């Protein structure tokens, strides 16, 4: 990433307005049709009234700066990651969302669903409207508060846990205990946990439960100890693979630049394992506005031929998660950037009924 930034800064210093206009034209044309761009096309599209020889000289300069390159199968040029970065940072003209897209987002991201449903809806909307892959992280656990918990007996040492978080989000989970509990015992356990942990975040509850289990348990009666153990089973750290919802990944198979079998295999393995995607999304949590990772800027080989455009979403002015789109580096950034920005704002507003829709 550092090399790319240095290269772009160097390129910016050495390029005049004519060269920048030709680079902009080349990138836009390549994004539009996916074919290497030759001098004749640039001469027509750029409207600069330059001779083919002059254009070829400029292209040679851009290639030396690492902003474009010529595939060995064609005389035309295509942008490099550095070229895309310069284009996105300095030459891009962002376009407003189309009315139909905005209407779909408003309609889909209503305030009438629970958080889990809304996250799924948002990821599917991103995938459907961009025809790429949509990804949305679940709200951070430290911002999800426990409001109520109760336990119901099932057969074979199983217990159904029903707990409410935030305002009205109801969750169900079946846990396996080491002994059979009666209904009255479970009711007592729920009352005990509600008296101690109601209003605390799930992260704080989990930490407190672990601390209790590691402390001197002799001061606790059996009912208290049983309640704490059931809380541990309920709120134990989840697998990282549940941290985000991904939709539309098969859309990526329709892009020629991602159709190589090895590329797809690495990409789908990354989706399956999730750690790489989560790391990139975590970086976006710490930044303001729309973040863009182009090709090898991500630092992960699986995404060398992809771009990830993300934006954090907030509830009650607190950043709680990130959403984004994953697609080829040859994506329509001028449309995707405002789309992701608006979607993040609408999702945050939908998850916070007190906030008016932007």
Protein backbone atom coordinates (compact mmCIF):
# COMPACT_ATOMS: atom_id res chain seq x y z
CA UNK A 1 0.00 0.00 0.00
CA UNK A 2 2.83 2.40 0.85
CA UNK A 3 4.46 1.81 -2.54
CA UNK A 4 1.19 2.57 -4.29
CA UNK A 5 0.70 5.82 -2.36
CA UNK A 6 4.26 6.96 -3.13
CA UNK A 7 3.80 6.09 -6.80
CA UNK A 8 0.54 8.04 -6.98
CA UNK A 9 2.05 11.09 -5.31
CA UNK A 10 4.98 10.95 -7.73
CA UNK A 11 2.59 10.58 -10.66
CA UNK A 12 0.52 13.57 -9.55
CA UNK A 13 3.58 15.81 -9.44
CA UNK A 14 4.76 14.79 -12.89
CA UNK A 15 1.45 14.90 -14.75
CA UNK A 16 0.05 17.99 -16.42
CA UNK A 17 -3.64 18.63 -17.02
CA UNK A 18 -3.54 17.02 -20.45
CA UNK A 19 -2.05 13.80 -19.08
CA UNK A 20 -4.55 13.68 -16.24
CA UNK A 21 -7.43 14.15 -18.67
CA UNK A 22 -6.20 11.30 -20.84
CA UNK A 23 -5.79 9.06 -17.80
CA UNK A 24 -9.32 9.94 -16.67
CA UNK A 25 -10.67 9.17 -20.11
CA UNK A 26 -8.81 5.86 -20.27
CA UNK A 27 -10.06 4.71 -16.85
CA UNK A 28 -13.65 5.70 -17.59
CA UNK A 29 -13.61 3.96 -20.95
CA UNK A 30 -12.07 0.80 -19.49
CA UNK A 31 -14.63 0.74 -16.66
CA UNK A 32 -17.37 1.16 -19.24
CA UNK A 33 -16.51 -1.66 -21.66
CA UNK A 34 -13.68 -3.68 -20.09
CA UNK A 35 -11.46 -3.58 -23.17
CA UNK A 36 -7.88 -2.23 -23.37
CA UNK A 37 -8.01 1.37 -24.59
CA UNK A 38 -5.99 2.42 -27.61
CA UNK A 39 -4.77 5.82 -28.84
CA UNK A 40 -7.50 6.17 -31.43
CA UNK A 41 -10.26 5.73 -28.84
CA UNK A 42 -8.56 8.22 -26.52
CA UNK A 43 -8.27 10.74 -29.32
CA UNK A 44 -12.03 10.56 -29.91
CA UNK A 45 -13.21 10.34 -26.29
CA UNK A 46 -10.92 12.92 -24.71
CA UNK A 47 -11.91 15.78 -27.05
CA UNK A 48 -8.39 17.20 -26.65
CA UNK A 49 -7.63 17.42 -30.36
CA UNK A 50 -4.27 15.70 -29.97
CA UNK A 51 -2.39 13.75 -32.61
CA UNK A 52 -2.06 9.98 -32.22
CA UNK A 53 1.69 10.43 -31.78
CA UNK A 54 1.18 12.86 -28.88
CA UNK A 55 -1.29 10.51 -27.22
CA UNK A 56 1.11 7.60 -27.58
CA UNK A 57 3.84 9.67 -25.91
CA UNK A 58 1.54 10.52 -23.02
CA UNK A 59 0.56 6.87 -22.68
CA UNK A 60 4.23 5.93 -22.55
CA UNK A 61 4.77 8.44 -19.73
CA UNK A 62 1.77 7.11 -17.80
CA UNK A 63 3.07 3.59 -18.21
CA UNK A 64 6.51 4.55 -16.90
CA UNK A 65 4.82 6.01 -13.83
CA UNK A 66 3.03 2.71 -13.23
CA UNK A 67 -0.44 4.18 -13.73
CA UNK A 68 -1.37 2.05 -16.75
CA UNK A 69 -0.01 -1.05 -18.43
CA UNK A 70 -0.36 -2.84 -21.72
CA UNK A 71 -1.64 -6.44 -21.64
CA UNK A 72 0.55 -8.63 -23.80
CA UNK A 73 -2.49 -9.63 -25.85
CA UNK A 74 -3.39 -6.07 -26.86
CA UNK A 75 -1.82 -2.82 -27.98
CA UNK A 76 -4.25 -0.90 -25.78
CA UNK A 77 -3.72 0.03 -22.15
CA UNK A 78 -5.59 -0.67 -18.93
CA UNK A 79 -5.33 1.02 -15.51
CA UNK A 80 -3.13 -0.37 -12.77
CA UNK A 81 -4.07 -0.23 -9.10
CA UNK A 82 -2.05 3.00 -8.87
CA UNK A 83 -3.97 4.40 -11.83
CA UNK A 84 -7.30 3.54 -10.23
CA UNK A 85 -6.18 5.13 -6.98
CA UNK A 86 -5.20 8.39 -8.65
CA UNK A 87 -8.48 8.35 -10.56
CA UNK A 88 -10.57 7.75 -7.44
CA UNK A 89 -8.73 10.27 -5.27
CA UNK A 90 -8.29 13.11 -7.76
CA UNK A 91 -10.20 12.68 -11.02
CA UNK A 92 -13.50 11.04 -10.14
CA UNK A 93 -16.80 12.82 -10.72
CA UNK A 94 -19.35 11.31 -8.33
CA UNK A 95 -22.87 10.84 -9.68
CA UNK A 96 -26.09 11.08 -7.63
CA UNK A 97 -28.14 7.96 -7.04
CA UNK A 98 -30.86 7.19 -9.52
CA UNK A 99 -34.41 7.73 -8.26
CA UNK A 100 -35.30 4.04 -8.61
CA UNK A 101 -32.28 2.94 -6.56
CA UNK A 102 -33.03 5.46 -3.84
CA UNK A 103 -36.66 4.33 -3.70
CA UNK A 104 -35.61 0.67 -3.35
CA UNK A 105 -33.30 1.57 -0.48
CA UNK A 106 -35.95 3.64 1.31
CA UNK A 107 -38.51 0.89 0.90
CA UNK A 108 -36.21 -1.95 1.94
CA UNK A 109 -34.54 -0.27 4.92
CA UNK A 110 -37.67 0.40 6.95
CA UNK A 111 -37.84 0.68 10.73
CA UNK A 112 -40.21 -2.26 11.23
CA UNK A 113 -37.74 -5.16 11.45
CA UNK A 114 -35.32 -6.42 14.08
CA UNK A 115 -31.59 -5.82 13.70
CA UNK A 116 -30.75 -9.26 12.31
CA UNK A 117 -33.41 -8.98 9.63
CA UNK A 118 -32.33 -5.45 8.72
CA UNK A 119 -28.70 -6.54 8.30
CA UNK A 120 -29.78 -9.31 5.94
CA UNK A 121 -32.01 -6.95 3.97
CA UNK A 122 -29.21 -4.40 3.63
CA UNK A 123 -26.70 -6.95 2.32
CA UNK A 124 -29.23 -8.28 -0.23
CA UNK A 125 -30.13 -4.77 -1.39
CA UNK A 126 -26.46 -3.94 -1.95
CA UNK A 127 -25.97 -7.17 -3.91
CA UNK A 128 -29.15 -6.74 -5.98
CA UNK A 129 -28.66 -3.07 -6.85
CA UNK A 130 -24.94 -3.32 -7.67
CA UNK A 131 -24.93 -6.88 -9.05
CA UNK A 132 -21.84 -7.51 -6.94
CA UNK A 133 -21.39 -8.90 -3.42
CA UNK A 134 -22.90 -7.02 -0.49
CA UNK A 135 -21.47 -7.34 3.02
CA UNK A 136 -22.77 -5.91 6.31
CA UNK A 137 -21.27 -6.51 9.75
CA UNK A 138 -23.50 -7.20 12.72
CA UNK A 139 -23.53 -4.46 15.38
CA UNK A 140 -20.64 -4.75 17.81
CA UNK A 141 -21.51 -6.83 20.87
CA UNK A 142 -20.34 -4.13 23.25
CA UNK A 143 -23.19 -1.94 21.98
CA UNK A 144 -25.87 -4.64 22.38
CA UNK A 145 -27.47 -4.51 25.83
CA UNK A 146 -29.29 -7.28 27.69
CA UNK A 147 -32.82 -6.33 28.72
CA UNK A 148 -34.29 -9.63 29.92
CA UNK A 149 -33.47 -13.33 30.00
CA UNK A 150 -35.46 -16.46 30.85
CA UNK A 151 -34.95 -20.22 30.61
CA UNK A 152 -37.41 -22.98 29.67
CA UNK A 153 -36.77 -26.72 30.20
CA UNK A 154 -36.46 -29.07 27.23
CA UNK A 155 -35.70 -32.79 27.08
CA UNK A 156 -32.29 -34.47 27.38
CA UNK A 157 -30.59 -31.80 29.54
CA UNK A 158 -31.39 -29.07 27.07
CA UNK A 159 -32.61 -25.61 27.96
CA UNK A 160 -34.25 -23.01 25.73
CA UNK A 161 -32.89 -19.54 26.42
CA UNK A 162 -35.01 -16.54 25.43
CA UNK A 163 -33.33 -13.18 25.86
CA UNK A 164 -34.18 -9.66 24.77
CA UNK A 165 -31.51 -7.12 23.74
CA UNK A 166 -31.66 -3.39 23.17
CA UNK A 167 -35.32 -2.42 22.84
CA UNK A 168 -37.31 -5.25 21.27
CA UNK A 169 -34.88 -7.75 19.75
CA UNK A 170 -35.80 -11.27 20.86
CA UNK A 171 -33.22 -14.09 20.56
CA UNK A 172 -33.60 -17.84 21.07
CA UNK A 173 -30.82 -20.30 21.81
CA UNK A 174 -30.73 -23.93 22.95
CA UNK A 175 -27.98 -24.76 25.44
CA UNK A 176 -26.87 -28.16 26.76
CA UNK A 177 -26.43 -28.40 30.54
CA UNK A 178 -24.70 -31.01 32.67
CA UNK A 179 -27.88 -31.88 34.60
CA UNK A 180 -31.65 -31.71 34.35
CA UNK A 181 -33.28 -28.52 35.63
CA UNK A 182 -36.88 -28.05 36.68
CA UNK A 183 -39.00 -25.09 35.61
CA UNK A 184 -38.80 -23.44 39.05
CA UNK A 185 -35.01 -23.72 39.11
CA UNK A 186 -34.77 -22.12 35.68
CA UNK A 187 -37.15 -19.35 36.69
CA UNK A 188 -34.99 -18.65 39.72
CA UNK A 189 -31.84 -18.59 37.53
CA UNK A 190 -33.43 -16.10 35.14
CA UNK A 191 -34.54 -13.84 38.00
CA UNK A 192 -31.03 -13.89 39.47
CA UNK A 193 -29.33 -12.99 36.16
CA UNK A 194 -31.87 -10.26 35.38
CA UNK A 195 -31.25 -8.66 38.78
CA UNK A 196 -27.50 -8.47 38.13
CA UNK A 197 -26.96 -8.05 34.37
CA UNK A 198 -30.06 -6.31 33.02
CA UNK A 199 -28.95 -3.13 31.18
CA UNK A 200 -25.36 -4.30 30.70
CA UNK A 201 -23.80 -4.95 27.28
CA UNK A 202 -23.34 -8.54 26.15
CA UNK A 203 -19.58 -7.99 26.17
CA UNK A 204 -19.73 -6.83 29.80
CA UNK A 205 -22.00 -9.73 30.75
CA UNK A 206 -19.64 -12.26 29.20
CA UNK A 207 -16.63 -10.74 30.95
CA UNK A 208 -18.43 -10.65 34.31
CA UNK A 209 -19.58 -14.26 33.98
CA UNK A 210 -16.05 -15.45 33.23
CA UNK A 211 -14.76 -13.48 36.21
CA UNK A 212 -17.37 -15.06 38.47
CA UNK A 213 -16.46 -18.56 37.31
CA UNK A 214 -12.76 -17.92 37.92
CA UNK A 215 -13.39 -16.43 41.37
CA UNK A 216 -13.93 -18.25 44.64
CA UNK A 217 -17.12 -20.23 44.02
CA UNK A 218 -17.50 -21.29 47.64
CA UNK A 219 -19.31 -18.01 48.41
CA UNK A 220 -21.96 -18.89 45.80
CA UNK A 221 -24.82 -21.28 46.49
CA UNK A 222 -25.63 -23.97 43.93
CA UNK A 223 -28.52 -22.01 42.41
CA UNK A 224 -26.30 -18.97 41.80
CA UNK A 225 -23.55 -21.15 40.35
CA UNK A 226 -25.99 -22.91 38.03
CA UNK A 227 -27.32 -19.55 36.81
CA UNK A 228 -23.82 -18.25 36.08
CA UNK A 229 -22.92 -21.43 34.19
CA UNK A 230 -26.06 -21.13 32.06
CA UNK A 231 -25.21 -17.51 31.33
CA UNK A 232 -21.76 -18.61 30.20
CA UNK A 233 -23.29 -21.13 27.79
CA UNK A 234 -25.64 -18.45 26.48
CA UNK A 235 -23.19 -15.61 26.01
CA UNK A 236 -19.94 -17.45 25.34
CA UNK A 237 -17.82 -15.82 22.62
CA UNK A 238 -19.28 -16.61 19.25
CA UNK A 239 -17.41 -17.74 16.16
CA UNK A 240 -16.04 -14.87 14.04
CA UNK A 241 -17.87 -16.37 11.12
CA UNK A 242 -21.11 -14.89 12.52
CA UNK A 243 -19.77 -11.34 12.45
CA UNK A 244 -21.17 -10.33 9.07
CA UNK A 245 -23.78 -11.19 6.48
CA UNK A 246 -22.68 -11.69 2.87
CA UNK A 247 -25.04 -11.74 -0.11
CA UNK A 248 -24.61 -11.95 -3.88
CA UNK A 249 -21.17 -13.55 -3.92
CA UNK A 250 -22.17 -15.60 -6.97
CA UNK A 251 -22.67 -12.31 -8.84
CA UNK A 252 -18.87 -12.04 -9.00
CA UNK A 253 -18.69 -15.07 -11.25
CA UNK A 254 -20.22 -12.99 -14.04
CA UNK A 255 -17.21 -10.66 -14.32
CA UNK A 256 -14.60 -11.81 -16.81
CA UNK A 257 -11.68 -10.46 -14.74
CA UNK A 258 -12.79 -12.64 -11.81
CA UNK A 259 -13.72 -15.72 -13.80
CA UNK A 260 -10.32 -17.40 -13.50
CA UNK A 261 -10.80 -20.58 -11.50
CA UNK A 262 -7.87 -19.95 -9.18
CA UNK A 263 -8.98 -16.37 -8.49
CA UNK A 264 -12.49 -17.51 -7.67
CA UNK A 265 -11.24 -20.32 -5.45
CA UNK A 266 -9.12 -17.94 -3.35
CA UNK A 267 -11.93 -15.40 -3.20
CA UNK A 268 -14.58 -17.86 -2.05
CA UNK A 269 -12.18 -19.40 0.46
CA UNK A 270 -11.71 -15.91 1.92
CA UNK A 271 -15.49 -15.52 2.10
CA UNK A 272 -15.76 -18.88 3.86
CA UNK A 273 -13.00 -18.27 6.40
CA UNK A 274 -14.01 -14.61 6.84
CA UNK A 275 -10.97 -13.43 8.81
CA UNK A 276 -9.51 -11.39 5.92
CA UNK A 277 -12.81 -9.68 5.19
CA UNK A 278 -13.38 -8.95 8.87
CA UNK A 279 -9.90 -7.40 9.15
CA UNK A 280 -10.61 -5.05 6.23
CA UNK A 281 -14.00 -4.12 7.63
CA UNK A 282 -12.48 -3.45 11.05
CA UNK A 283 -10.15 -0.93 9.42
CA UNK A 284 -13.19 0.85 8.02
CA UNK A 285 -14.73 1.05 11.50
CA UNK A 286 -11.89 3.34 12.54
CA UNK A 287 -12.13 5.73 9.57
CA UNK A 288 -14.58 8.43 8.55
CA UNK A 289 -16.57 8.41 5.33
CA UNK A 290 -16.35 5.95 2.47
CA UNK A 291 -13.23 3.77 2.40
CA UNK A 292 -11.91 2.11 -0.76
CA UNK A 293 -9.47 -0.80 -1.00
CA UNK A 294 -8.33 -1.37 -4.60
CA UNK A 295 -6.66 -4.62 -5.60
CA UNK A 296 -3.51 -5.41 -3.67
CA UNK A 297 -4.07 -2.40 -1.40
CA UNK A 298 -6.07 -4.80 0.79
CA UNK A 299 -2.93 -6.75 1.63
CA UNK A 300 -4.67 -10.04 0.90
CA UNK A 301 -3.91 -12.02 -2.25
CA UNK A 302 -7.50 -13.23 -2.55
CA UNK A 303 -8.60 -9.63 -3.24
CA UNK A 304 -5.86 -8.69 -5.71
CA UNK A 305 -8.42 -8.44 -8.51
CA UNK A 306 -11.19 -6.90 -6.39
CA UNK A 307 -12.16 -3.60 -4.87
CA UNK A 308 -13.94 -3.22 -1.55
CA UNK A 309 -15.92 -0.01 -1.00
CA UNK A 310 -17.17 0.44 2.57
CA UNK A 311 -18.78 2.88 4.96
CA UNK A 312 -19.51 2.63 8.67
CA UNK A 313 -23.08 2.92 9.94
CA UNK A 314 -24.04 4.52 13.24
CA UNK A 315 -26.80 4.28 15.82
CA UNK A 316 -27.23 7.05 18.42
CA UNK A 317 -24.11 8.69 16.97
CA UNK A 318 -22.05 5.56 17.80
CA UNK A 319 -20.36 3.61 15.00
CA UNK A 320 -21.72 0.08 15.39
CA UNK A 321 -20.85 -1.64 12.11
CA UNK A 322 -19.71 -1.44 8.50
CA UNK A 323 -21.34 -2.23 5.17
CA UNK A 324 -19.81 -2.44 1.73
CA UNK A 325 -19.68 -3.89 -1.74
CA UNK A 326 -17.08 -6.30 -3.12
CA UNK A 327 -16.55 -6.34 -6.87
CA UNK A 328 -13.91 -6.17 -9.58
CA UNK A 329 -11.43 -3.28 -9.63
CA UNK A 330 -13.20 -2.27 -12.84
CA UNK A 331 -16.29 -1.03 -11.04
CA UNK A 332 -18.26 2.19 -11.56
CA UNK A 333 -16.79 4.05 -8.57
CA UNK A 334 -18.70 7.23 -9.40
CA UNK A 335 -21.95 5.34 -8.70
CA UNK A 336 -20.81 2.88 -6.05
CA UNK A 337 -19.31 5.46 -3.68
CA UNK A 338 -22.49 7.55 -3.19
CA UNK A 339 -24.58 4.36 -3.14
CA UNK A 340 -22.61 2.92 -0.21
CA UNK A 341 -22.61 6.27 1.59
CA UNK A 342 -26.41 6.63 1.37
CA UNK A 343 -27.05 2.98 2.25
CA UNK A 344 -24.97 3.30 5.43
CA UNK A 345 -26.92 6.39 6.50
CA UNK A 346 -30.27 4.76 5.79
CA UNK A 347 -29.37 1.57 7.66
CA UNK A 348 -28.24 3.55 10.69
CA UNK A 349 -31.47 5.55 10.63
CA UNK A 350 -33.58 2.39 10.31
CA UNK A 351 -31.85 0.79 13.30
CA UNK A 352 -32.47 3.91 15.36
CA UNK A 353 -36.18 4.86 15.26
CA UNK A 354 -35.42 8.15 17.02
CA UNK A 355 -33.33 9.28 14.07
CA UNK A 356 -35.09 10.81 11.10
CA UNK A 357 -34.36 9.25 7.71
CA UNK A 358 -31.70 11.26 5.80
